[in-house]
C-alpha atoms as a PDB file:
ATOM      1  CA  UNK A   1     104.142 140.998 260.666  1.00  0.00           C
ATOM      2  CA  UNK A   2     101.371 138.890 259.183  1.00  0.00           C
ATOM      3  CA  UNK A   3     103.035 135.591 260.133  1.00  0.00           C
ATOM      4  CA  UNK A   4     103.273 136.652 263.781  1.00  0.00           C
ATOM      5  CA  UNK A   5      99.660 137.871 263.669  1.00  0.00           C
ATOM      6  CA  UNK A   6      98.488 134.517 262.310  1.00  0.00           C
ATOM      7  CA  UNK A   7     100.132 132.603 265.132  1.00  0.00           C
ATOM      8  CA  UNK A   8      98.836 135.187 267.607  1.00  0.00           C
ATOM      9  CA  UNK A   9      95.284 134.539 266.364  1.00  0.00           C
ATOM     10  CA  UNK A  10      95.783 130.772 266.782  1.00  0.00           C
ATOM     11  CA  UNK A  11      97.244 131.085 270.272  1.00  0.00           C
ATOM     12  CA  UNK A  12      94.594 133.598 271.382  1.00  0.00           C
ATOM     13  CA  UNK A  13      91.947 131.008 270.486  1.00  0.00           C
ATOM     14  CA  UNK A  14      93.807 128.264 272.346  1.00  0.00           C
ATOM     15  CA  UNK A  15      94.367 130.416 275.428  1.00  0.00           C
ATOM     16  CA  UNK A  16      90.797 131.687 275.377  1.00  0.00           C
ATOM     17  CA  UNK A  17      89.390 128.202 276.035  1.00  0.00           C
ATOM     18  CA  UNK A  18      87.792 129.296 279.305  1.00  0.00           C
ATOM     19  CA  UNK A  19      85.866 131.989 277.463  1.00  0.00           C
ATOM     20  CA  UNK A  20      84.783 129.453 274.833  1.00  0.00           C
ATOM     21  CA  UNK A  21      83.314 127.308 277.594  1.00  0.00           C
ATOM     22  CA  UNK A  22      81.364 130.249 278.964  1.00  0.00           C
ATOM     23  CA  UNK A  23      80.051 131.423 275.596  1.00  0.00           C
ATOM     24  CA  UNK A  24      79.600 128.213 273.622  1.00  0.00           C
ATOM     25  CA  UNK A  25      80.102 125.309 276.011  1.00  0.00           C
ATOM     26  CA  UNK A  26      76.445 124.787 276.860  1.00  0.00           C
ATOM     27  CA  UNK A  27      75.373 125.036 273.227  1.00  0.00           C
ATOM     28  CA  UNK A  28      78.130 122.713 272.021  1.00  0.00           C
ATOM     29  CA  UNK A  29      77.318 120.071 274.629  1.00  0.00           C
ATOM     30  CA  UNK A  30      73.574 120.320 273.890  1.00  0.00           C
ATOM     31  CA  UNK A  31      74.161 119.930 270.157  1.00  0.00           C
ATOM     32  CA  UNK A  32      76.624 117.082 270.739  1.00  0.00           C
ATOM     33  CA  UNK A  33      74.081 115.112 272.736  1.00  0.00           C
ATOM     34  CA  UNK A  34      71.633 115.131 269.799  1.00  0.00           C
ATOM     35  CA  UNK A  35      74.029 114.276 266.983  1.00  0.00           C
ATOM     36  CA  UNK A  36      73.730 110.971 265.089  1.00  0.00           C
ATOM     37  CA  UNK A  37      76.633 108.559 264.692  1.00  0.00           C
ATOM     38  CA  UNK A  38      79.476 108.827 263.928  1.00  0.00           C
ATOM     39  CA  UNK A  39      79.345 111.755 266.331  1.00  0.00           C
ATOM     40  CA  UNK A  40      82.942 112.865 265.706  1.00  0.00           C
ATOM     41  CA  UNK A  41      82.220 113.399 261.997  1.00  0.00           C
ATOM     42  CA  UNK A  42      79.133 115.500 262.715  1.00  0.00           C
ATOM     43  CA  UNK A  43      80.989 117.524 265.342  1.00  0.00           C
ATOM     44  CA  UNK A  44      83.845 118.164 262.932  1.00  0.00           C
ATOM     45  CA  UNK A  45      81.458 119.180 260.134  1.00  0.00           C
ATOM     46  CA  UNK A  46      79.519 121.457 262.476  1.00  0.00           C
ATOM     47  CA  UNK A  47      82.693 123.199 263.613  1.00  0.00           C
ATOM     48  CA  UNK A  48      84.037 123.487 260.066  1.00  0.00           C
ATOM     49  CA  UNK A  49      80.862 125.392 259.244  1.00  0.00           C
ATOM     50  CA  UNK A  50      81.546 127.706 262.180  1.00  0.00           C
ATOM     51  CA  UNK A  51      85.145 128.259 261.079  1.00  0.00           C
ATOM     52  CA  UNK A  52      83.960 128.967 257.516  1.00  0.00           C
ATOM     53  CA  UNK A  53      81.864 131.838 258.882  1.00  0.00           C
ATOM     54  CA  UNK A  54      84.922 133.175 260.694  1.00  0.00           C
ATOM     55  CA  UNK A  55      86.938 133.041 257.466  1.00  0.00           C
ATOM     56  CA  UNK A  56      84.144 134.786 255.552  1.00  0.00           C
ATOM     57  CA  UNK A  57      83.953 137.541 258.175  1.00  0.00           C
ATOM     58  CA  UNK A  58      87.754 137.864 258.046  1.00  0.00           C
ATOM     59  CA  UNK A  59      87.666 138.234 254.265  1.00  0.00           C
ATOM     60  CA  UNK A  60      84.976 140.922 254.508  1.00  0.00           C
ATOM     61  CA  UNK A  61      86.768 143.049 257.098  1.00  0.00           C
ATOM     62  CA  UNK A  62      90.122 142.430 255.382  1.00  0.00           C
ATOM     63  CA  UNK A  63      88.598 143.857 252.193  1.00  0.00           C
ATOM     64  CA  UNK A  64      87.442 146.915 254.110  1.00  0.00           C
ATOM     65  CA  UNK A  65      90.934 147.385 255.503  1.00  0.00           C
ATOM     66  CA  UNK A  66      92.428 147.047 252.028  1.00  0.00           C
ATOM     67  CA  UNK A  67      89.940 149.529 250.562  1.00  0.00           C
ATOM     68  CA  UNK A  68      90.745 152.044 253.287  1.00  0.00           C
ATOM     69  CA  UNK A  69      94.393 152.050 252.170  1.00  0.00           C
ATOM     70  CA  UNK A  70      93.425 154.520 249.423  1.00  0.00           C
ATOM     71  CA  UNK A  71      93.227 157.104 252.229  1.00  0.00           C
ATOM     72  CA  UNK A  72      96.805 156.387 253.280  1.00  0.00           C
ATOM     73  CA  UNK A  73      97.964 159.718 251.894  1.00  0.00           C
ATOM     74  CA  UNK A  74      95.578 161.480 254.326  1.00  0.00           C
ATOM     75  CA  UNK A  75      95.737 159.229 257.386  1.00  0.00           C
ATOM     76  CA  UNK A  76      98.146 156.440 258.447  1.00  0.00           C
ATOM     77  CA  UNK A  77      95.313 153.898 258.156  1.00  0.00           C
ATOM     78  CA  UNK A  78      97.365 150.720 258.646  1.00  0.00           C
ATOM     79  CA  UNK A  79      99.113 152.131 261.697  1.00  0.00           C
ATOM     80  CA  UNK A  80      95.771 153.157 263.210  1.00  0.00           C
ATOM     81  CA  UNK A  81      94.275 149.733 262.569  1.00  0.00           C
ATOM     82  CA  UNK A  82      97.353 147.985 263.983  1.00  0.00           C
ATOM     83  CA  UNK A  83      97.161 150.209 267.077  1.00  0.00           C
ATOM     84  CA  UNK A  84      93.480 149.327 267.508  1.00  0.00           C
ATOM     85  CA  UNK A  85      94.241 145.622 267.048  1.00  0.00           C
ATOM     86  CA  UNK A  86      96.995 145.698 269.687  1.00  0.00           C
ATOM     87  CA  UNK A  87      94.790 147.570 272.150  1.00  0.00           C
ATOM     88  CA  UNK A  88      91.979 145.046 271.623  1.00  0.00           C
ATOM     89  CA  UNK A  89      94.362 142.169 272.390  1.00  0.00           C
ATOM     90  CA  UNK A  90      95.483 143.937 275.556  1.00  0.00           C
ATOM     91  CA  UNK A  91      91.872 144.481 276.658  1.00  0.00           C
ATOM     92  CA  UNK A  92      90.974 140.920 275.685  1.00  0.00           C
ATOM     93  CA  UNK A  93      93.757 139.625 277.942  1.00  0.00           C
ATOM     94  CA  UNK A  94      92.341 141.633 280.838  1.00  0.00           C
ATOM     95  CA  UNK A  95      88.888 140.256 280.020  1.00  0.00           C
ATOM     96  CA  UNK A  96      90.068 136.638 279.975  1.00  0.00           C
ATOM     97  CA  UNK A  97      91.931 137.254 283.254  1.00  0.00           C
ATOM     98  CA  UNK A  98      88.628 138.471 284.724  1.00  0.00           C
ATOM     99  CA  UNK A  99      90.112 141.914 285.448  1.00  0.00           C
ATOM    100  CA  UNK A 100      87.981 143.975 283.022  1.00  0.00           C
ATOM    101  CA  UNK A 101      84.559 143.280 281.518  1.00  0.00           C
ATOM    102  CA  UNK A 102      84.196 146.013 278.906  1.00  0.00           C
ATOM    103  CA  UNK A 103      84.074 143.500 276.050  1.00  0.00           C
ATOM    104  CA  UNK A 104      80.633 142.460 277.272  1.00  0.00           C
ATOM    105  CA  UNK A 105      79.365 145.768 275.856  1.00  0.00           C
ATOM    106  CA  UNK A 106      80.706 144.841 272.403  1.00  0.00           C
ATOM    107  CA  UNK A 107      79.073 141.413 272.666  1.00  0.00           C
ATOM    108  CA  UNK A 108      75.760 143.096 273.450  1.00  0.00           C
ATOM    109  CA  UNK A 109      76.045 145.129 270.243  1.00  0.00           C
ATOM    110  CA  UNK A 110      76.699 141.927 268.293  1.00  0.00           C
ATOM    111  CA  UNK A 111      73.621 140.447 269.930  1.00  0.00           C
ATOM    112  CA  UNK A 112      71.466 142.601 267.645  1.00  0.00           C
ATOM    113  CA  UNK A 113      72.681 140.589 264.661  1.00  0.00           C
ATOM    114  CA  UNK A 114      72.327 137.298 266.529  1.00  0.00           C
ATOM    115  CA  UNK A 115      68.656 138.020 267.278  1.00  0.00           C
ATOM    116  CA  UNK A 116      68.043 137.859 263.517  1.00  0.00           C
ATOM    117  CA  UNK A 117      70.271 134.835 262.879  1.00  0.00           C
ATOM    118  CA  UNK A 118      69.295 132.657 265.859  1.00  0.00           C
ATOM    119  CA  UNK A 119      65.786 131.692 264.632  1.00  0.00           C
ATOM    120  CA  UNK A 120      67.323 130.315 261.425  1.00  0.00           C
ATOM    121  CA  UNK A 121      69.898 128.349 263.419  1.00  0.00           C
ATOM    122  CA  UNK A 122      67.149 126.878 265.597  1.00  0.00           C
ATOM    123  CA  UNK A 123      65.271 125.612 262.534  1.00  0.00           C
ATOM    124  CA  UNK A 124      68.265 123.423 261.637  1.00  0.00           C
ATOM    125  CA  UNK A 125      68.070 121.513 264.929  1.00  0.00           C
ATOM    126  CA  UNK A 126      68.097 118.613 265.608  1.00  0.00           C
ATOM    127  CA  UNK A 127      70.839 117.831 263.100  1.00  0.00           C
ATOM    128  CA  UNK A 128      70.184 114.721 261.023  1.00  0.00           C
ATOM    129  CA  UNK A 129      72.647 114.884 258.106  1.00  0.00           C
ATOM    130  CA  UNK A 130      76.079 116.371 257.356  1.00  0.00           C
ATOM    131  CA  UNK A 131      75.042 119.344 255.147  1.00  0.00           C
ATOM    132  CA  UNK A 132      72.611 120.351 257.876  1.00  0.00           C
ATOM    133  CA  UNK A 133      75.446 120.184 260.425  1.00  0.00           C
ATOM    134  CA  UNK A 134      77.651 122.380 258.246  1.00  0.00           C
ATOM    135  CA  UNK A 135      75.038 125.095 257.702  1.00  0.00           C
ATOM    136  CA  UNK A 136      74.014 125.050 261.380  1.00  0.00           C
ATOM    137  CA  UNK A 137      77.684 125.582 262.246  1.00  0.00           C
ATOM    138  CA  UNK A 138      77.931 128.467 259.773  1.00  0.00           C
ATOM    139  CA  UNK A 139      75.031 130.234 261.465  1.00  0.00           C
ATOM    140  CA  UNK A 140      76.508 129.541 264.897  1.00  0.00           C
ATOM    141  CA  UNK A 141      79.670 131.305 263.722  1.00  0.00           C
ATOM    142  CA  UNK A 142      77.810 134.628 264.005  1.00  0.00           C
ATOM    143  CA  UNK A 143      77.156 134.201 267.742  1.00  0.00           C
ATOM    144  CA  UNK A 144      78.332 137.436 269.427  1.00  0.00           C
ATOM    145  CA  UNK A 145      81.747 136.855 271.019  1.00  0.00           C
ATOM    146  CA  UNK A 146      84.304 139.344 272.278  1.00  0.00           C
ATOM    147  CA  UNK A 147      87.088 136.867 271.486  1.00  0.00           C
ATOM    148  CA  UNK A 148      86.024 136.735 267.816  1.00  0.00           C
ATOM    149  CA  UNK A 149      85.575 140.499 267.568  1.00  0.00           C
ATOM    150  CA  UNK A 150      89.045 141.138 268.956  1.00  0.00           C
ATOM    151  CA  UNK A 151      90.688 138.974 266.306  1.00  0.00           C
ATOM    152  CA  UNK A 152      88.467 140.527 263.600  1.00  0.00           C
ATOM    153  CA  UNK A 153      90.108 143.868 264.380  1.00  0.00           C
ATOM    154  CA  UNK A 154      93.420 142.185 263.536  1.00  0.00           C
ATOM    155  CA  UNK A 155      91.889 140.866 260.296  1.00  0.00           C
ATOM    156  CA  UNK A 156      90.810 144.422 259.476  1.00  0.00           C
ATOM    157  CA  UNK A 157      94.436 145.535 259.823  1.00  0.00           C
ATOM    158  CA  UNK A 158      95.792 142.561 257.829  1.00  0.00           C
ATOM    159  CA  UNK A 159      95.740 144.475 254.537  1.00  0.00           C
ATOM    160  CA  UNK A 160      93.728 142.155 252.277  1.00  0.00           C
ATOM    161  CA  UNK A 161      90.726 139.844 252.088  1.00  0.00           C
ATOM    162  CA  UNK A 162      93.049 136.833 251.792  1.00  0.00           C
ATOM    163  CA  UNK A 163      95.066 137.731 254.874  1.00  0.00           C
ATOM    164  CA  UNK A 164      91.895 138.489 256.844  1.00  0.00           C
ATOM    165  CA  UNK A 165      90.360 135.141 255.894  1.00  0.00           C
ATOM    166  CA  UNK A 166      93.538 133.222 256.784  1.00  0.00           C
ATOM    167  CA  UNK A 167      93.838 135.006 260.134  1.00  0.00           C
ATOM    168  CA  UNK A 168      90.274 134.092 261.102  1.00  0.00           C
ATOM    169  CA  UNK A 169      90.850 130.554 259.807  1.00  0.00           C
ATOM    170  CA  UNK A 170      93.839 130.221 262.136  1.00  0.00           C
ATOM    171  CA  UNK A 171      91.718 131.555 264.992  1.00  0.00           C
ATOM    172  CA  UNK A 172      88.973 129.043 264.216  1.00  0.00           C
ATOM    173  CA  UNK A 173      91.446 126.162 264.139  1.00  0.00           C
ATOM    174  CA  UNK A 174      92.700 127.248 267.550  1.00  0.00           C
ATOM    175  CA  UNK A 175      89.187 126.906 268.982  1.00  0.00           C
ATOM    176  CA  UNK A 176      88.631 123.478 267.412  1.00  0.00           C
ATOM    177  CA  UNK A 177      90.192 121.160 270.053  1.00  0.00           C
ATOM    178  CA  UNK A 178      88.274 122.745 272.928  1.00  0.00           C
ATOM    179  CA  UNK A 179      84.880 122.837 271.238  1.00  0.00           C
ATOM    180  CA  UNK A 180      85.192 119.343 269.751  1.00  0.00           C
ATOM    181  CA  UNK A 181      85.969 118.077 273.256  1.00  0.00           C
ATOM    182  CA  UNK A 182      82.942 119.906 274.646  1.00  0.00           C
ATOM    183  CA  UNK A 183      80.820 118.279 271.980  1.00  0.00           C
ATOM    184  CA  UNK A 184      81.713 114.967 273.552  1.00  0.00           C
ATOM    185  CA  UNK A 185      80.456 116.385 276.867  1.00  0.00           C
ATOM    186  CA  UNK A 186      83.881 116.656 278.494  1.00  0.00           C
ATOM    187  CA  UNK A 187      82.527 118.377 281.587  1.00  0.00           C
ATOM    188  CA  UNK A 188      85.814 117.642 283.389  1.00  0.00           C
ATOM    189  CA  UNK A 189      87.460 120.408 281.360  1.00  0.00           C
ATOM    190  CA  UNK A 190      85.141 123.098 282.678  1.00  0.00           C
ATOM    191  CA  UNK A 191      86.437 123.519 286.260  1.00  0.00           C
ATOM    192  CA  UNK A 192      90.043 123.345 285.042  1.00  0.00           C
ATOM    193  CA  UNK A 193      89.705 125.995 282.348  1.00  0.00           C
ATOM    194  CA  UNK A 194      87.608 128.287 284.509  1.00  0.00           C
ATOM    195  CA  UNK A 195      90.063 128.253 287.395  1.00  0.00           C
ATOM    196  CA  UNK A 196      91.110 131.751 288.423  1.00  0.00           C
ATOM    197  CA  UNK A 197      94.834 130.997 288.212  1.00  0.00           C
ATOM    198  CA  UNK A 198      94.646 129.599 284.683  1.00  0.00           C
ATOM    199  CA  UNK A 199      92.492 132.525 283.532  1.00  0.00           C
ATOM    200  CA  UNK A 200      95.105 134.936 284.906  1.00  0.00           C
ATOM    201  CA  UNK A 201      97.945 133.098 283.135  1.00  0.00           C
ATOM    202  CA  UNK A 202      96.121 132.859 279.796  1.00  0.00           C
ATOM    203  CA  UNK A 203      94.847 136.432 280.029  1.00  0.00           C
ATOM    204  CA  UNK A 204      98.346 137.676 280.784  1.00  0.00           C
ATOM    205  CA  UNK A 205      99.787 135.852 277.766  1.00  0.00           C
ATOM    206  CA  UNK A 206      97.112 137.292 275.458  1.00  0.00           C
ATOM    207  CA  UNK A 207      97.724 140.782 276.871  1.00  0.00           C
ATOM    208  CA  UNK A 208     101.427 140.314 276.064  1.00  0.00           C
ATOM    209  CA  UNK A 209     100.563 139.971 272.363  1.00  0.00           C
ATOM    210  CA  UNK A 210      98.935 143.399 272.568  1.00  0.00           C
ATOM    211  CA  UNK A 211     101.882 144.895 274.441  1.00  0.00           C
ATOM    212  CA  UNK A 212     104.313 143.445 271.872  1.00  0.00           C
ATOM    213  CA  UNK A 213     102.242 145.025 269.075  1.00  0.00           C
ATOM    214  CA  UNK A 214     102.282 148.419 270.784  1.00  0.00           C
ATOM    215  CA  UNK A 215     106.030 148.127 271.337  1.00  0.00           C
ATOM    216  CA  UNK A 216     106.651 147.355 267.632  1.00  0.00           C
ATOM    217  CA  UNK A 217     104.427 150.272 266.634  1.00  0.00           C
ATOM    218  CA  UNK A 218     106.030 152.950 268.790  1.00  0.00           C
ATOM    219  CA  UNK A 219     109.637 151.766 269.229  1.00  0.00           C
END
């Protein structure tokens, strides 16, 4: 199942481009306007820092999922985690399709962590050299995001720190094209990706991943 989950994480990130614009678009465009030349190298380094944070978070929750397997003789831990992961994908699809907004509550909870991280991220701006870009991106990776949290549930169910890290790495790579483009101030993408029809299509496809997971679990 892990191979399918990895590609699901990648495609969820690609299909969630409209959400990325809403959450990170303004920040990415603001940072991109201040970057030195060559801008593409700084943007890439910045986003690699962000993806590194995703991989670290995936490794941490994957370790927790692996440690919980010692309770397998009491509770079907992996099945419970897989059920939770599939339900989160289903709800995420509804969120992307603009049909349900419950994930905003989860993002608000994550905001408590971001309040502590954000002042450190601000101190690294404006970015003037590549290591600074990387570490600023790492801190940005902890910005509260329902899209990230949904895939982290999948990393929790992945069974190991390695699988969790790889799953979040695949997710991060899926977000890369959109956010690199936004760094170059591609404002033309915004109305396209925020169109109601496209959000419905992308949300429906993400929800299908959740439905497929529930089908595999129960049938």
